[in-house]
N, C-alpha and C. Protein backbone atom coordinates (compact mmCIF):
# COMPACT_ATOMS: atom_id res chain seq x y z
N UNK A 1 117.21 -147.95 124.54
CA UNK A 1 116.01 -148.36 124.02
C UNK A 1 115.66 -149.53 124.22
N UNK A 2 114.59 -149.98 124.63
CA UNK A 2 114.00 -151.44 124.64
C UNK A 2 113.18 -151.81 123.68
N UNK A 3 113.58 -151.80 122.41
CA UNK A 3 112.81 -151.85 121.38
C UNK A 3 113.54 -153.02 120.80
N UNK A 4 112.80 -154.19 120.78
CA UNK A 4 114.13 -155.50 120.49
C UNK A 4 113.69 -155.53 118.85
N UNK A 5 112.42 -154.86 118.31
CA UNK A 5 112.13 -154.75 116.71
C UNK A 5 113.31 -153.83 116.37
N UNK A 6 113.83 -153.07 116.93
CA UNK A 6 114.79 -152.42 116.27
C UNK A 6 116.02 -152.90 115.97
N UNK A 7 116.38 -153.91 117.07
CA UNK A 7 117.85 -154.48 116.63
C UNK A 7 117.68 -155.23 115.33
N UNK A 8 116.45 -155.01 114.36
CA UNK A 8 116.78 -155.94 113.58
C UNK A 8 117.86 -155.00 112.09
N UNK A 9 117.04 -153.48 112.75
CA UNK A 9 117.74 -152.55 111.62
C UNK A 9 119.21 -152.68 111.35
N UNK A 10 119.53 -153.00 112.93
CA UNK A 10 121.03 -152.48 113.24
C UNK A 10 122.04 -152.93 111.78
N UNK A 11 122.38 -154.32 111.71
CA UNK A 11 123.15 -154.73 110.50
C UNK A 11 122.80 -154.39 109.36
N UNK A 12 121.92 -154.34 109.01
CA UNK A 12 121.12 -153.54 107.56
C UNK A 12 122.16 -152.01 107.23
N UNK A 13 122.40 -151.44 108.13
CA UNK A 13 122.74 -149.83 108.02
C UNK A 13 123.90 -149.61 108.42
N UNK A 14 124.82 -150.56 107.77
CA UNK A 14 126.04 -149.97 108.05
C UNK A 14 126.77 -149.25 106.74
N UNK A 15 126.48 -147.77 107.19
CA UNK A 15 126.93 -146.94 105.99
C UNK A 15 128.27 -146.40 106.09
N UNK A 16 128.53 -146.33 104.86
CA UNK A 16 130.38 -145.62 104.98
C UNK A 16 130.12 -144.25 103.84
N UNK A 17 131.08 -143.40 104.30
CA UNK A 17 131.29 -142.33 103.78
C UNK A 17 130.11 -141.60 103.03
N UNK A 18 130.36 -140.29 101.95
CA UNK A 18 129.45 -139.81 101.50
C UNK A 18 128.59 -140.26 100.66
N UNK A 19 129.12 -141.21 99.81
CA UNK A 19 128.23 -141.52 98.55
C UNK A 19 126.96 -142.74 99.11
N UNK A 20 127.09 -142.75 100.58
CA UNK A 20 126.07 -143.63 101.11
C UNK A 20 124.97 -142.52 101.65
N UNK A 21 125.36 -140.87 101.62
CA UNK A 21 124.41 -140.03 102.23
C UNK A 21 123.23 -140.22 101.03
N UNK A 22 122.83 -140.48 99.75
CA UNK A 22 121.69 -140.79 98.93
C UNK A 22 121.26 -142.05 99.43
N UNK A 23 121.90 -142.95 99.62
CA UNK A 23 121.40 -144.28 99.49
C UNK A 23 119.74 -144.47 100.14
N UNK A 24 119.08 -145.47 99.66
CA UNK A 24 117.71 -145.67 100.06
C UNK A 24 117.86 -146.26 101.53
N UNK A 25 119.15 -146.86 102.09
CA UNK A 25 119.05 -147.18 103.37
C UNK A 25 119.15 -145.85 104.58
N UNK A 26 119.74 -144.90 103.86
CA UNK A 26 119.86 -143.34 104.55
C UNK A 26 118.25 -143.04 104.71
N UNK A 27 117.50 -142.92 103.39
CA UNK A 27 116.13 -142.57 103.40
C UNK A 27 115.36 -143.32 104.70
N UNK A 28 115.59 -144.75 104.64
CA UNK A 28 114.77 -145.54 105.60
C UNK A 28 115.34 -145.23 107.02
N UNK A 29 116.98 -144.83 107.21
CA UNK A 29 117.14 -144.48 108.83
C UNK A 29 116.64 -142.88 109.24
N UNK A 30 116.19 -142.32 108.12
CA UNK A 30 116.05 -140.83 108.57
C UNK A 30 114.66 -140.89 108.62
N UNK A 31 114.13 -142.05 108.68
CA UNK A 31 112.61 -142.05 109.03
C UNK A 31 112.32 -141.98 110.90
N UNK A 32 113.61 -142.47 111.02
CA UNK A 32 113.58 -143.13 112.53
C UNK A 32 114.02 -141.35 112.80
N UNK A 33 113.30 -141.47 114.76
CA UNK A 33 113.92 -139.97 115.41
C UNK A 33 115.56 -140.34 115.56
N UNK A 34 116.02 -139.11 115.99
CA UNK A 34 117.10 -138.74 115.62
C UNK A 34 118.27 -139.85 117.07
N UNK A 35 117.57 -139.70 118.22
CA UNK A 35 117.80 -140.70 118.86
C UNK A 35 117.95 -142.17 118.27
N UNK A 36 116.98 -142.67 117.88
CA UNK A 36 117.03 -144.35 117.73
C UNK A 36 118.23 -144.29 116.64
N UNK A 37 117.90 -143.58 115.50
CA UNK A 37 119.19 -143.35 114.62
C UNK A 37 120.74 -143.18 115.02
N UNK A 38 120.83 -142.49 115.76
CA UNK A 38 121.97 -142.30 116.55
C UNK A 38 122.47 -143.83 117.15
N UNK A 39 121.57 -144.23 118.16
CA UNK A 39 121.97 -145.82 118.54
C UNK A 39 121.92 -146.62 117.61
N UNK A 40 121.38 -146.67 116.63
CA UNK A 40 121.58 -148.04 115.64
C UNK A 40 122.57 -147.87 114.81
N UNK A 41 123.16 -146.51 114.07
CA UNK A 41 124.47 -146.24 113.94
C UNK A 41 125.78 -146.80 114.70
N UNK A 42 125.64 -146.32 115.97
CA UNK A 42 126.40 -146.59 116.47
C UNK A 42 126.38 -147.99 117.02
N UNK A 43 125.63 -148.78 116.92
CA UNK A 43 125.02 -150.35 117.37
C UNK A 43 125.88 -150.89 116.30
N UNK A 44 125.84 -150.51 115.13
CA UNK A 44 126.05 -150.97 114.14
C UNK A 44 127.65 -151.07 113.86
N UNK A 45 127.88 -149.93 113.81
CA UNK A 45 129.52 -149.35 114.25
C UNK A 45 130.25 -150.78 115.25
N UNK A 46 129.93 -151.10 116.33
CA UNK A 46 130.15 -151.51 117.56
C UNK A 46 130.26 -152.90 116.59
N UNK A 47 128.84 -153.47 116.02
CA UNK A 47 129.23 -154.94 115.63
C UNK A 47 130.00 -154.89 114.61
N UNK A 48 130.24 -154.07 113.66
CA UNK A 48 131.04 -154.17 112.71
C UNK A 48 132.60 -154.21 113.00
N UNK A 49 132.92 -153.34 114.19
CA UNK A 49 134.38 -153.27 114.62
C UNK A 49 134.93 -154.19 115.50
N UNK A 50 134.02 -155.01 116.09
CA UNK A 50 134.45 -156.30 116.77
C UNK A 50 134.69 -157.36 115.86
N UNK A 51 133.66 -157.14 114.61
CA UNK A 51 133.89 -158.48 113.64
C UNK A 51 135.17 -158.40 113.01
N UNK A 52 135.66 -157.13 112.85
CA UNK A 52 136.89 -156.54 112.08
C UNK A 52 138.17 -157.04 113.05
N UNK A 53 138.15 -156.69 114.33
CA UNK A 53 139.29 -156.65 115.17
C UNK A 53 139.44 -157.88 116.04
N UNK A 54 138.10 -158.84 116.41
CA UNK A 54 138.33 -160.05 117.52
C UNK A 54 138.22 -161.10 116.38
N UNK A 55 139.01 -161.83 116.06
CA UNK A 55 139.42 -162.94 115.31
C UNK A 55 138.44 -163.97 115.60
N UNK A 56 137.49 -164.33 114.98
CA UNK A 56 136.65 -165.49 115.65
C UNK A 56 135.04 -164.91 116.24
N UNK A 57 134.88 -163.70 116.13
CA UNK A 57 133.73 -162.97 116.58
C UNK A 57 132.99 -162.76 115.40
N UNK A 58 131.83 -162.94 115.41
CA UNK A 58 131.14 -162.89 114.19
C UNK A 58 129.51 -162.24 114.87
N UNK A 59 129.72 -161.11 115.49
CA UNK A 59 128.18 -160.64 116.08
C UNK A 59 127.24 -160.73 115.38
N UNK A 60 126.08 -160.87 115.83
CA UNK A 60 124.77 -161.08 115.13
C UNK A 60 123.58 -159.86 115.71
N UNK A 61 124.17 -160.04 117.12
CA UNK A 61 122.97 -159.08 118.06
C UNK A 61 123.60 -158.02 118.59
N UNK A 62 123.14 -157.22 119.12
CA UNK A 62 123.38 -156.19 120.07
C UNK A 62 122.67 -155.53 120.82
N UNK A 63 122.68 -155.75 122.26
CA UNK A 63 121.54 -154.92 122.88
C UNK A 63 122.38 -153.76 123.91
N UNK A 64 122.30 -152.81 123.82
CA UNK A 64 122.96 -151.40 123.99
C UNK A 64 122.40 -151.06 125.60
N UNK A 65 121.30 -151.71 125.91
CA UNK A 65 120.89 -151.34 127.33
C UNK A 65 120.58 -152.64 128.16
N UNK A 66 121.55 -153.38 128.01
CA UNK A 66 121.45 -154.94 128.69
C UNK A 66 121.66 -154.47 130.08
N UNK A 67 122.75 -153.71 130.36
CA UNK A 67 122.96 -153.91 131.91
C UNK A 67 123.26 -152.37 132.44
N UNK A 68 122.55 -151.17 131.67
CA UNK A 68 122.19 -150.19 132.23
C UNK A 68 121.92 -149.32 130.55
N UNK A 69 121.18 -148.17 130.99
CA UNK A 69 120.71 -147.30 130.08
C UNK A 69 121.61 -146.97 129.13
N UNK A 70 121.79 -146.59 127.93
CA UNK A 70 122.40 -145.60 127.21
C UNK A 70 122.36 -144.25 127.40
N UNK A 71 123.62 -143.37 127.53
CA UNK A 71 123.28 -141.86 127.95
C UNK A 71 123.36 -141.41 126.58
N UNK A 72 122.66 -140.58 125.93
CA UNK A 72 122.20 -139.58 124.87
C UNK A 72 122.50 -138.29 125.18
N UNK A 73 123.50 -137.49 124.89
CA UNK A 73 123.63 -136.12 125.00
C UNK A 73 123.97 -135.56 123.21
N UNK A 74 122.97 -134.88 122.81
CA UNK A 74 123.13 -134.71 121.44
C UNK A 74 123.46 -135.79 120.66
N UNK A 75 124.42 -135.73 119.87
CA UNK A 75 124.82 -136.58 118.73
C UNK A 75 125.99 -137.57 119.55
N UNK A 76 125.96 -137.82 120.88
CA UNK A 76 126.99 -138.64 121.43
C UNK A 76 125.97 -139.54 122.46
N UNK A 77 126.72 -140.60 122.18
CA UNK A 77 125.91 -141.94 123.43
C UNK A 77 126.95 -142.59 123.83
N UNK A 78 126.81 -142.81 125.21
CA UNK A 78 127.47 -143.50 126.07
C UNK A 78 126.86 -144.80 126.24
N UNK A 79 127.09 -146.10 125.86
CA UNK A 79 126.58 -147.56 126.28
C UNK A 79 127.43 -148.00 127.13
N UNK A 80 127.41 -147.84 128.44
CA UNK A 80 128.41 -148.45 129.03
C UNK A 80 128.25 -149.77 129.90
N UNK A 81 126.98 -150.20 129.55
CA UNK A 81 126.36 -151.55 129.74
C UNK A 81 125.51 -152.47 128.95
N UNK A 82 126.68 -152.57 127.48
CA UNK A 82 125.81 -153.17 126.51
C UNK A 82 126.11 -154.55 126.70
N UNK A 83 125.65 -155.67 125.58
CA UNK A 83 126.31 -156.93 125.81
C UNK A 83 125.80 -157.16 123.86
N UNK A 84 126.76 -158.02 123.37
CA UNK A 84 127.10 -158.11 122.34
C UNK A 84 127.00 -159.69 122.23
N UNK A 85 126.29 -160.14 121.22
CA UNK A 85 125.96 -161.62 120.87
C UNK A 85 126.76 -162.33 119.41
N UNK A 86 127.83 -163.53 119.73
CA UNK A 86 128.55 -163.93 118.69
C UNK A 86 128.67 -165.35 118.89
N UNK A 87 128.44 -166.16 117.84
CA UNK A 87 128.15 -167.58 117.91
C UNK A 87 127.68 -168.29 119.25
N UNK A 88 126.22 -167.34 119.58
CA UNK A 88 125.43 -168.23 120.37
C UNK A 88 125.96 -167.86 121.79
N UNK A 89 126.65 -166.71 122.06
CA UNK A 89 127.11 -166.59 123.40
C UNK A 89 127.12 -165.20 123.72
N UNK A 90 126.90 -164.38 124.74
CA UNK A 90 126.89 -162.85 124.81
C UNK A 90 128.09 -162.69 125.68
N UNK A 91 128.53 -161.22 124.96
CA UNK A 91 129.82 -160.73 126.06
C UNK A 91 129.39 -159.20 126.17
N UNK A 92 129.75 -158.87 127.55
CA UNK A 92 130.05 -157.48 127.88
C UNK A 92 130.32 -156.63 126.52
N UNK A 93 129.55 -155.33 126.57
CA UNK A 93 130.38 -154.32 125.64
C UNK A 93 129.66 -153.03 126.12
N UNK A 94 130.99 -151.79 126.18
CA UNK A 94 130.56 -150.77 126.21
C UNK A 94 131.11 -149.85 124.81
N UNK A 95 130.89 -148.95 124.96
CA UNK A 95 131.04 -148.17 123.39
C UNK A 95 130.46 -146.45 123.86
N UNK A 96 131.76 -145.54 123.48
CA UNK A 96 131.22 -144.01 123.39
C UNK A 96 131.51 -143.80 122.02
N UNK A 97 130.61 -143.37 121.46
CA UNK A 97 130.06 -142.95 120.07
C UNK A 97 129.65 -141.33 119.68
N UNK A 98 130.03 -140.59 118.96
CA UNK A 98 129.57 -139.44 118.32
C UNK A 98 129.35 -139.73 116.91
N UNK A 99 128.03 -139.04 116.46
CA UNK A 99 127.60 -139.12 114.98
C UNK A 99 127.59 -137.44 114.32
N UNK A 100 127.13 -137.56 113.30
CA UNK A 100 127.22 -136.13 112.60
C UNK A 100 125.84 -135.76 112.95
N UNK A 101 125.66 -134.33 112.53
CA UNK A 101 124.18 -134.00 113.25
C UNK A 101 123.00 -134.61 112.66
N UNK A 102 123.11 -135.24 111.65
CA UNK A 102 121.93 -135.97 111.36
C UNK A 102 121.55 -137.46 111.95
N UNK A 103 123.00 -138.05 112.32
CA UNK A 103 122.90 -139.39 113.11
C UNK A 103 123.35 -140.43 112.44
N UNK A 104 123.76 -139.95 110.85
CA UNK A 104 123.86 -141.01 109.87
C UNK A 104 125.55 -141.27 109.70
N UNK A 105 126.27 -140.50 110.15
CA UNK A 105 127.83 -140.74 109.94
C UNK A 105 128.59 -141.00 111.63
N UNK A 106 129.62 -141.75 111.33
CA UNK A 106 130.15 -141.67 112.90
C UNK A 106 131.20 -140.95 112.66
N UNK A 107 131.40 -140.01 113.44
CA UNK A 107 132.38 -139.10 113.72
C UNK A 107 133.69 -139.56 114.72
N UNK A 108 133.16 -140.64 116.06
CA UNK A 108 134.59 -140.91 116.99
C UNK A 108 133.78 -142.12 117.49
N UNK A 109 134.38 -143.07 117.55
CA UNK A 109 133.87 -144.31 118.14
C UNK A 109 135.25 -144.98 119.00
N UNK A 110 134.81 -145.28 120.23
CA UNK A 110 135.79 -146.16 121.00
C UNK A 110 134.91 -147.49 121.68
N UNK A 111 135.37 -148.17 122.14
CA UNK A 111 134.55 -149.57 122.47
C UNK A 111 135.86 -150.05 123.64
N UNK A 112 134.90 -151.21 124.42
CA UNK A 112 135.67 -152.06 125.19
C UNK A 112 135.04 -153.16 124.89
N UNK A 113 135.50 -154.29 124.69
CA UNK A 113 134.66 -155.85 124.84
C UNK A 113 135.27 -156.35 126.12
N UNK A 114 134.25 -156.85 126.50
CA UNK A 114 134.18 -157.61 128.13
C UNK A 114 133.87 -159.09 128.22
N UNK A 115 134.06 -159.70 129.53
CA UNK A 115 133.86 -160.94 129.55
C UNK A 115 132.57 -161.33 129.10
N UNK A 116 132.19 -162.87 128.85
CA UNK A 116 131.36 -163.46 128.49
C UNK A 116 130.20 -163.13 129.57
N UNK A 117 129.08 -163.13 129.42
CA UNK A 117 127.97 -163.03 130.10
C UNK A 117 127.37 -164.86 130.52
N UNK A 118 127.01 -164.93 131.76
CA UNK A 118 127.00 -166.29 132.23
C UNK A 118 125.49 -166.53 131.96
N UNK A 119 124.86 -167.73 131.21
CA UNK A 119 123.66 -168.07 130.70
C UNK A 119 122.62 -167.46 131.71
N UNK A 120 122.90 -167.75 132.97
CA UNK A 120 121.92 -167.68 134.26
C UNK A 120 121.59 -166.30 134.25
N UNK A 121 122.38 -165.20 133.75
CA UNK A 121 121.89 -163.82 133.76
C UNK A 121 121.34 -163.23 132.57
N UNK A 122 120.99 -164.13 131.58
CA UNK A 122 120.43 -163.80 130.08
C UNK A 122 119.06 -163.52 130.25
N UNK A 123 118.11 -163.52 130.92
CA UNK A 123 116.66 -163.07 131.15
C UNK A 123 116.83 -162.09 131.37
N UNK A 124 117.51 -161.82 132.42
CA UNK A 124 117.23 -160.51 133.41
C UNK A 124 118.14 -159.77 132.34
N UNK A 125 118.52 -159.71 131.44
CA UNK A 125 119.30 -158.35 130.71
C UNK A 125 118.57 -158.39 129.77
N UNK A 126 117.44 -158.95 129.11
CA UNK A 126 116.83 -159.20 127.74
C UNK A 126 118.10 -159.67 126.63
N UNK A 127 118.60 -160.60 127.22
CA UNK A 127 119.88 -161.54 126.07
C UNK A 127 118.97 -162.67 125.73
N UNK A 128 118.94 -162.74 124.46
CA UNK A 128 118.16 -164.00 123.84
C UNK A 128 119.00 -165.17 123.55
N UNK A 129 118.51 -166.09 123.30
CA UNK A 129 119.41 -167.11 122.31
C UNK A 129 119.26 -166.92 120.94
N UNK A 130 120.18 -167.71 120.22
CA UNK A 130 120.27 -167.21 118.93
C UNK A 130 119.01 -167.93 118.66
């Protein structure tokens, strides 16, 4: 999805467990169409996971479509050409994610963090400076 306005939603909607199912955040997420909801939840999972598993990384933006459009089948998304920003630098990122039928809960998630994206490639791939 090439809508940068939705990127703002990503960090705000890291939801966990069944208690979150009744939260106001979920009410806002349910206003999004299912495809957007799935991508937003999986993007948020990617950012949180990278932050926890890679010392020194503090992701603040993710572009799932930077190098290739994500492919969504039902509640599964494969974002093979994403990029994630941390400390003003962009890095390639690929993930595969499956959500619940309502797109709110993550059922499975795997990812691969790749090399830094050279500054000279940012504009061509919708990657903005901090």
